[in-house]
Amino acid sequence: MRQFGLLIGRRDVAEFVRVASVSDIQPGTAREVTVRDRVLAIFNVDGKFHVLDGICPHAGGPLGEGKLQGNIMTCPWHGWQFDVTTGQHCLTPQICQQAFVCCVEGDDLLVEIPDT
């Protein structure tokens, strides 16, 4: 027999969360924010925003404090480089930072954060 019902209190649903003001992150810059115990790195590439997991997998460096040149970000601790549009490491494509969906509403930058 098949049963139907509502899932109340589901924990695997994502929601969009405001993480920054668009006007505070100029093109060619990055910023680090913490949302729900997640460190995120926000990058503005020519007015388009990209959001990655903000902790470098190499040594835990703060990617949001790295140098952004075009769409390539360099970790400030040991120089690992990532394409912020995909999250992929520039030399080893198997290494990939988690990317997050983001959108702009007015001056608000919203990021889709999974509810874990």
N, C-alpha and C. Protein backbone atom coordinates (compact mmCIF):
# COMPACT_ATOMS: atom_id res chain seq x y z
N MET A 1 0.84 -1.17 0.00
CA MET A 1 0.00 0.00 0.00
C MET A 1 0.89 1.24 0.00
N ARG A 2 0.56 2.19 -0.82
CA ARG A 2 1.33 3.42 -0.94
C ARG A 2 0.76 4.48 0.00
N GLN A 3 1.66 5.20 0.68
CA GLN A 3 1.21 6.25 1.60
C GLN A 3 1.71 7.60 1.11
N PHE A 4 0.90 8.60 1.33
CA PHE A 4 1.26 9.96 0.96
C PHE A 4 1.17 10.83 2.21
N GLY A 5 2.02 11.83 2.26
CA GLY A 5 1.97 12.72 3.42
C GLY A 5 2.89 13.90 3.22
N LEU A 6 2.89 14.78 4.18
CA LEU A 6 3.75 15.96 4.16
C LEU A 6 5.03 15.67 4.91
N LEU A 7 6.11 16.23 4.42
CA LEU A 7 7.37 16.16 5.14
C LEU A 7 7.50 17.43 5.95
N ILE A 8 7.33 17.34 7.23
CA ILE A 8 7.39 18.50 8.11
C ILE A 8 8.77 18.56 8.74
N GLY A 9 9.36 19.75 8.70
CA GLY A 9 10.68 19.92 9.29
C GLY A 9 11.79 19.29 8.46
N ARG A 10 11.61 19.23 7.16
CA ARG A 10 12.64 18.68 6.27
C ARG A 10 13.93 19.45 6.42
N ARG A 11 15.06 18.76 6.45
CA ARG A 11 16.34 19.41 6.69
C ARG A 11 17.19 19.55 5.43
N ASP A 12 16.76 19.00 4.30
CA ASP A 12 17.59 19.03 3.11
C ASP A 12 17.16 20.08 2.09
N VAL A 13 16.34 21.02 2.48
CA VAL A 13 15.84 22.05 1.58
C VAL A 13 16.75 23.27 1.67
N ALA A 14 17.10 23.81 0.51
CA ALA A 14 17.95 25.00 0.49
C ALA A 14 17.08 26.25 0.51
N GLU A 15 17.67 27.34 0.98
CA GLU A 15 16.97 28.62 0.93
C GLU A 15 17.98 29.71 0.62
N PHE A 16 17.48 30.81 0.04
CA PHE A 16 18.36 31.93 -0.26
C PHE A 16 18.49 32.81 0.98
N VAL A 17 19.74 33.18 1.27
CA VAL A 17 20.06 33.98 2.44
C VAL A 17 20.84 35.21 1.98
N ARG A 18 20.49 36.38 2.53
CA ARG A 18 21.23 37.61 2.21
C ARG A 18 22.60 37.52 2.85
N VAL A 19 23.65 37.74 2.05
CA VAL A 19 25.01 37.63 2.58
C VAL A 19 25.80 38.94 2.50
N ALA A 20 25.37 39.87 1.65
CA ALA A 20 26.12 41.12 1.51
C ALA A 20 25.32 42.13 0.70
N SER A 21 25.80 43.37 0.74
CA SER A 21 25.28 44.41 -0.14
C SER A 21 26.13 44.41 -1.40
N VAL A 22 25.48 44.39 -2.54
CA VAL A 22 26.18 44.39 -3.82
C VAL A 22 27.11 45.60 -3.91
N SER A 23 26.66 46.74 -3.44
CA SER A 23 27.46 47.97 -3.53
C SER A 23 28.74 47.92 -2.70
N ASP A 24 28.84 46.98 -1.78
CA ASP A 24 30.04 46.87 -0.94
C ASP A 24 31.13 46.01 -1.57
N ILE A 25 30.82 45.32 -2.68
CA ILE A 25 31.80 44.43 -3.30
C ILE A 25 32.02 44.91 -4.73
N GLN A 26 33.04 45.70 -4.92
CA GLN A 26 33.32 46.31 -6.21
C GLN A 26 33.86 45.28 -7.20
N PRO A 27 33.69 45.53 -8.51
CA PRO A 27 34.26 44.61 -9.51
C PRO A 27 35.76 44.41 -9.28
N GLY A 28 36.20 43.17 -9.43
CA GLY A 28 37.61 42.83 -9.24
C GLY A 28 38.00 42.60 -7.80
N THR A 29 37.01 42.54 -6.89
CA THR A 29 37.33 42.33 -5.48
C THR A 29 36.62 41.08 -4.95
N ALA A 30 37.03 40.72 -3.74
CA ALA A 30 36.46 39.55 -3.06
C ALA A 30 36.14 39.93 -1.63
N ARG A 31 35.33 39.09 -1.01
CA ARG A 31 34.96 39.30 0.39
C ARG A 31 34.67 37.95 1.01
N GLU A 32 34.98 37.84 2.30
CA GLU A 32 34.67 36.63 3.05
C GLU A 32 33.50 36.90 3.98
N VAL A 33 32.56 35.96 4.03
CA VAL A 33 31.43 36.05 4.96
C VAL A 33 31.22 34.68 5.58
N THR A 34 30.59 34.67 6.74
CA THR A 34 30.24 33.41 7.39
C THR A 34 28.72 33.36 7.52
N VAL A 35 28.14 32.28 7.00
CA VAL A 35 26.69 32.08 7.04
C VAL A 35 26.43 30.66 7.52
N ARG A 36 25.68 30.56 8.62
CA ARG A 36 25.33 29.25 9.17
C ARG A 36 26.56 28.35 9.33
N ASP A 37 27.58 28.88 9.94
CA ASP A 37 28.83 28.16 10.20
C ASP A 37 29.59 27.77 8.94
N ARG A 38 29.25 28.36 7.80
CA ARG A 38 29.99 28.12 6.55
C ARG A 38 30.74 29.40 6.21
N VAL A 39 32.02 29.25 5.90
CA VAL A 39 32.80 30.39 5.42
C VAL A 39 32.66 30.40 3.90
N LEU A 40 32.19 31.53 3.38
CA LEU A 40 32.00 31.69 1.94
C LEU A 40 32.91 32.78 1.41
N ALA A 41 33.38 32.60 0.18
CA ALA A 41 34.16 33.62 -0.51
C ALA A 41 33.30 34.15 -1.65
N ILE A 42 33.09 35.46 -1.67
CA ILE A 42 32.28 36.11 -2.70
C ILE A 42 33.22 36.87 -3.63
N PHE A 43 33.03 36.69 -4.93
CA PHE A 43 33.88 37.34 -5.93
C PHE A 43 33.01 38.12 -6.90
N ASN A 44 33.45 39.34 -7.24
CA ASN A 44 32.77 40.16 -8.23
C ASN A 44 33.66 40.22 -9.46
N VAL A 45 33.26 39.51 -10.51
CA VAL A 45 34.01 39.51 -11.77
C VAL A 45 33.22 40.33 -12.78
N ASP A 46 33.68 41.55 -13.00
CA ASP A 46 33.03 42.45 -13.96
C ASP A 46 31.53 42.60 -13.72
N GLY A 47 31.14 42.70 -12.44
CA GLY A 47 29.74 42.91 -12.10
C GLY A 47 28.93 41.64 -11.93
N LYS A 48 29.54 40.49 -12.19
CA LYS A 48 28.85 39.21 -11.99
C LYS A 48 29.43 38.55 -10.74
N PHE A 49 28.55 38.07 -9.87
CA PHE A 49 28.98 37.51 -8.60
C PHE A 49 29.09 36.00 -8.65
N HIS A 50 30.10 35.50 -7.94
CA HIS A 50 30.35 34.06 -7.82
C HIS A 50 30.66 33.79 -6.35
N VAL A 51 30.17 32.67 -5.84
CA VAL A 51 30.37 32.33 -4.43
C VAL A 51 30.90 30.91 -4.34
N LEU A 52 32.02 30.77 -3.61
CA LEU A 52 32.64 29.46 -3.39
C LEU A 52 32.80 29.20 -1.90
N ASP A 53 32.99 27.92 -1.58
CA ASP A 53 33.43 27.57 -0.22
C ASP A 53 34.68 28.40 0.03
N GLY A 54 34.73 29.09 1.16
CA GLY A 54 35.80 30.05 1.42
C GLY A 54 37.06 29.51 2.05
N ILE A 55 37.14 28.20 2.28
CA ILE A 55 38.32 27.61 2.92
C ILE A 55 39.12 26.83 1.88
N CYS A 56 40.37 27.22 1.66
CA CYS A 56 41.23 26.53 0.70
C CYS A 56 41.47 25.09 1.16
N PRO A 57 41.32 24.12 0.25
CA PRO A 57 41.51 22.72 0.64
C PRO A 57 42.97 22.36 0.90
N HIS A 58 43.89 23.19 0.47
CA HIS A 58 45.31 22.91 0.67
C HIS A 58 45.73 23.04 2.12
N ALA A 59 45.48 24.20 2.70
CA ALA A 59 45.95 24.44 4.08
C ALA A 59 44.96 25.27 4.89
N GLY A 60 43.73 25.39 4.40
CA GLY A 60 42.72 26.13 5.16
C GLY A 60 42.78 27.63 5.02
N GLY A 61 43.46 28.12 4.00
CA GLY A 61 43.58 29.57 3.81
C GLY A 61 42.25 30.23 3.48
N PRO A 62 42.14 31.54 3.75
CA PRO A 62 40.90 32.28 3.51
C PRO A 62 40.80 32.76 2.05
N LEU A 63 40.07 32.03 1.23
CA LEU A 63 39.99 32.37 -0.19
C LEU A 63 39.38 33.74 -0.44
N GLY A 64 38.50 34.19 0.42
CA GLY A 64 37.89 35.51 0.26
C GLY A 64 38.86 36.66 0.48
N GLU A 65 40.04 36.34 0.99
CA GLU A 65 41.08 37.37 1.17
C GLU A 65 42.15 37.27 0.08
N GLY A 66 41.92 36.39 -0.89
CA GLY A 66 42.89 36.21 -1.96
C GLY A 66 42.83 37.30 -3.00
N LYS A 67 43.81 37.27 -3.90
CA LYS A 67 43.88 38.25 -4.98
C LYS A 67 43.08 37.73 -6.17
N LEU A 68 42.23 38.59 -6.72
CA LEU A 68 41.39 38.23 -7.86
C LEU A 68 41.91 38.94 -9.10
N GLN A 69 42.25 38.16 -10.13
CA GLN A 69 42.67 38.72 -11.42
C GLN A 69 41.80 38.07 -12.49
N GLY A 70 40.91 38.86 -13.06
CA GLY A 70 39.93 38.29 -13.99
C GLY A 70 39.04 37.33 -13.22
N ASN A 71 38.99 36.08 -13.66
CA ASN A 71 38.18 35.10 -12.93
C ASN A 71 39.05 34.11 -12.15
N ILE A 72 40.33 34.44 -11.98
CA ILE A 72 41.26 33.57 -11.25
C ILE A 72 41.58 34.20 -9.89
N MET A 73 41.38 33.39 -8.85
CA MET A 73 41.65 33.82 -7.48
C MET A 73 42.87 33.05 -6.97
N THR A 74 43.77 33.79 -6.30
CA THR A 74 44.96 33.18 -5.72
C THR A 74 44.85 33.20 -4.21
N CYS A 75 44.96 32.01 -3.60
CA CYS A 75 44.90 31.91 -2.14
C CYS A 75 46.06 32.69 -1.53
N PRO A 76 45.79 33.51 -0.51
CA PRO A 76 46.84 34.34 0.07
C PRO A 76 47.88 33.56 0.87
N TRP A 77 47.61 32.33 1.24
CA TRP A 77 48.55 31.59 2.07
C TRP A 77 49.64 30.88 1.26
N HIS A 78 49.25 30.13 0.22
CA HIS A 78 50.25 29.34 -0.49
C HIS A 78 50.13 29.40 -2.00
N GLY A 79 49.30 30.31 -2.50
CA GLY A 79 49.25 30.57 -3.93
C GLY A 79 48.43 29.62 -4.78
N TRP A 80 47.65 28.74 -4.17
CA TRP A 80 46.78 27.90 -5.00
C TRP A 80 45.81 28.80 -5.74
N GLN A 81 45.53 28.45 -7.01
CA GLN A 81 44.65 29.28 -7.83
C GLN A 81 43.40 28.51 -8.25
N PHE A 82 42.28 29.22 -8.21
CA PHE A 82 40.99 28.64 -8.57
C PHE A 82 40.27 29.56 -9.55
N ASP A 83 39.53 28.94 -10.48
CA ASP A 83 38.63 29.69 -11.36
C ASP A 83 37.35 29.92 -10.56
N VAL A 84 37.05 31.16 -10.24
CA VAL A 84 35.90 31.44 -9.37
C VAL A 84 34.56 31.18 -10.07
N THR A 85 34.56 31.06 -11.39
CA THR A 85 33.31 30.79 -12.10
C THR A 85 32.91 29.32 -12.02
N THR A 86 33.88 28.44 -11.75
CA THR A 86 33.61 27.00 -11.69
C THR A 86 34.01 26.36 -10.37
N GLY A 87 34.94 27.00 -9.66
CA GLY A 87 35.49 26.42 -8.44
C GLY A 87 36.68 25.52 -8.68
N GLN A 88 37.03 25.27 -9.95
CA GLN A 88 38.12 24.34 -10.25
C GLN A 88 39.49 24.94 -9.97
N HIS A 89 40.36 24.08 -9.42
CA HIS A 89 41.77 24.43 -9.23
C HIS A 89 42.39 24.56 -10.62
N CYS A 90 43.24 25.55 -10.81
CA CYS A 90 43.77 25.84 -12.15
C CYS A 90 44.74 24.78 -12.67
N LEU A 91 45.47 24.09 -11.80
CA LEU A 91 46.42 23.08 -12.25
C LEU A 91 45.90 21.66 -12.13
N THR A 92 45.01 21.43 -11.19
CA THR A 92 44.50 20.09 -10.93
C THR A 92 42.97 20.14 -10.96
N PRO A 93 42.37 19.91 -12.14
CA PRO A 93 40.91 20.05 -12.27
C PRO A 93 40.10 19.13 -11.36
N GLN A 94 40.73 18.06 -10.85
CA GLN A 94 40.01 17.17 -9.94
C GLN A 94 39.72 17.84 -8.60
N ILE A 95 40.48 18.88 -8.29
CA ILE A 95 40.24 19.65 -7.06
C ILE A 95 39.26 20.76 -7.42
N CYS A 96 38.13 20.76 -6.75
CA CYS A 96 37.10 21.74 -7.08
C CYS A 96 36.41 22.22 -5.80
N GLN A 97 36.41 23.52 -5.60
CA GLN A 97 35.71 24.12 -4.47
C GLN A 97 34.21 24.08 -4.72
N GLN A 98 33.43 23.88 -3.67
CA GLN A 98 31.98 23.91 -3.82
C GLN A 98 31.55 25.31 -4.22
N ALA A 99 30.72 25.38 -5.24
CA ALA A 99 30.16 26.65 -5.69
C ALA A 99 28.72 26.74 -5.21
N PHE A 100 28.28 27.95 -4.94
CA PHE A 100 26.92 28.19 -4.45
C PHE A 100 26.18 29.07 -5.45
N VAL A 101 24.91 28.79 -5.64
CA VAL A 101 24.05 29.61 -6.50
C VAL A 101 23.82 30.94 -5.79
N CYS A 102 23.92 32.03 -6.56
CA CYS A 102 23.65 33.34 -5.96
C CYS A 102 22.82 34.17 -6.93
N CYS A 103 22.18 35.20 -6.39
CA CYS A 103 21.40 36.12 -7.22
C CYS A 103 21.37 37.48 -6.55
N VAL A 104 21.03 38.49 -7.33
CA VAL A 104 20.97 39.86 -6.84
C VAL A 104 19.51 40.31 -6.85
N GLU A 105 19.09 40.89 -5.72
CA GLU A 105 17.77 41.52 -5.62
C GLU A 105 18.00 42.91 -5.06
N GLY A 106 17.85 43.91 -5.93
CA GLY A 106 18.14 45.28 -5.50
C GLY A 106 19.63 45.39 -5.18
N ASP A 107 19.94 45.78 -3.94
CA ASP A 107 21.34 45.88 -3.51
C ASP A 107 21.75 44.67 -2.66
N ASP A 108 20.89 43.66 -2.61
CA ASP A 108 21.18 42.48 -1.79
C ASP A 108 21.74 41.35 -2.64
N LEU A 109 22.82 40.74 -2.14
CA LEU A 109 23.34 39.52 -2.74
C LEU A 109 22.82 38.36 -1.92
N LEU A 110 22.10 37.46 -2.58
CA LEU A 110 21.51 36.30 -1.93
C LEU A 110 22.24 35.05 -2.39
N VAL A 111 22.48 34.14 -1.45
CA VAL A 111 23.15 32.88 -1.76
C VAL A 111 22.27 31.73 -1.31
N GLU A 112 22.18 30.71 -2.15
CA GLU A 112 21.40 29.53 -1.81
C GLU A 112 22.24 28.64 -0.89
N ILE A 113 21.77 28.50 0.34
CA ILE A 113 22.48 27.73 1.36
C ILE A 113 21.66 26.49 1.70
N PRO A 114 22.24 25.31 1.50
CA PRO A 114 21.52 24.10 1.90
C PRO A 114 21.29 24.08 3.41
N ASP A 115 20.13 23.65 3.82
CA ASP A 115 19.82 23.55 5.24
C ASP A 115 20.26 22.17 5.70
N THR A 116 21.39 22.13 6.41
CA THR A 116 21.94 20.83 6.83
C THR A 116 21.81 20.64 8.30
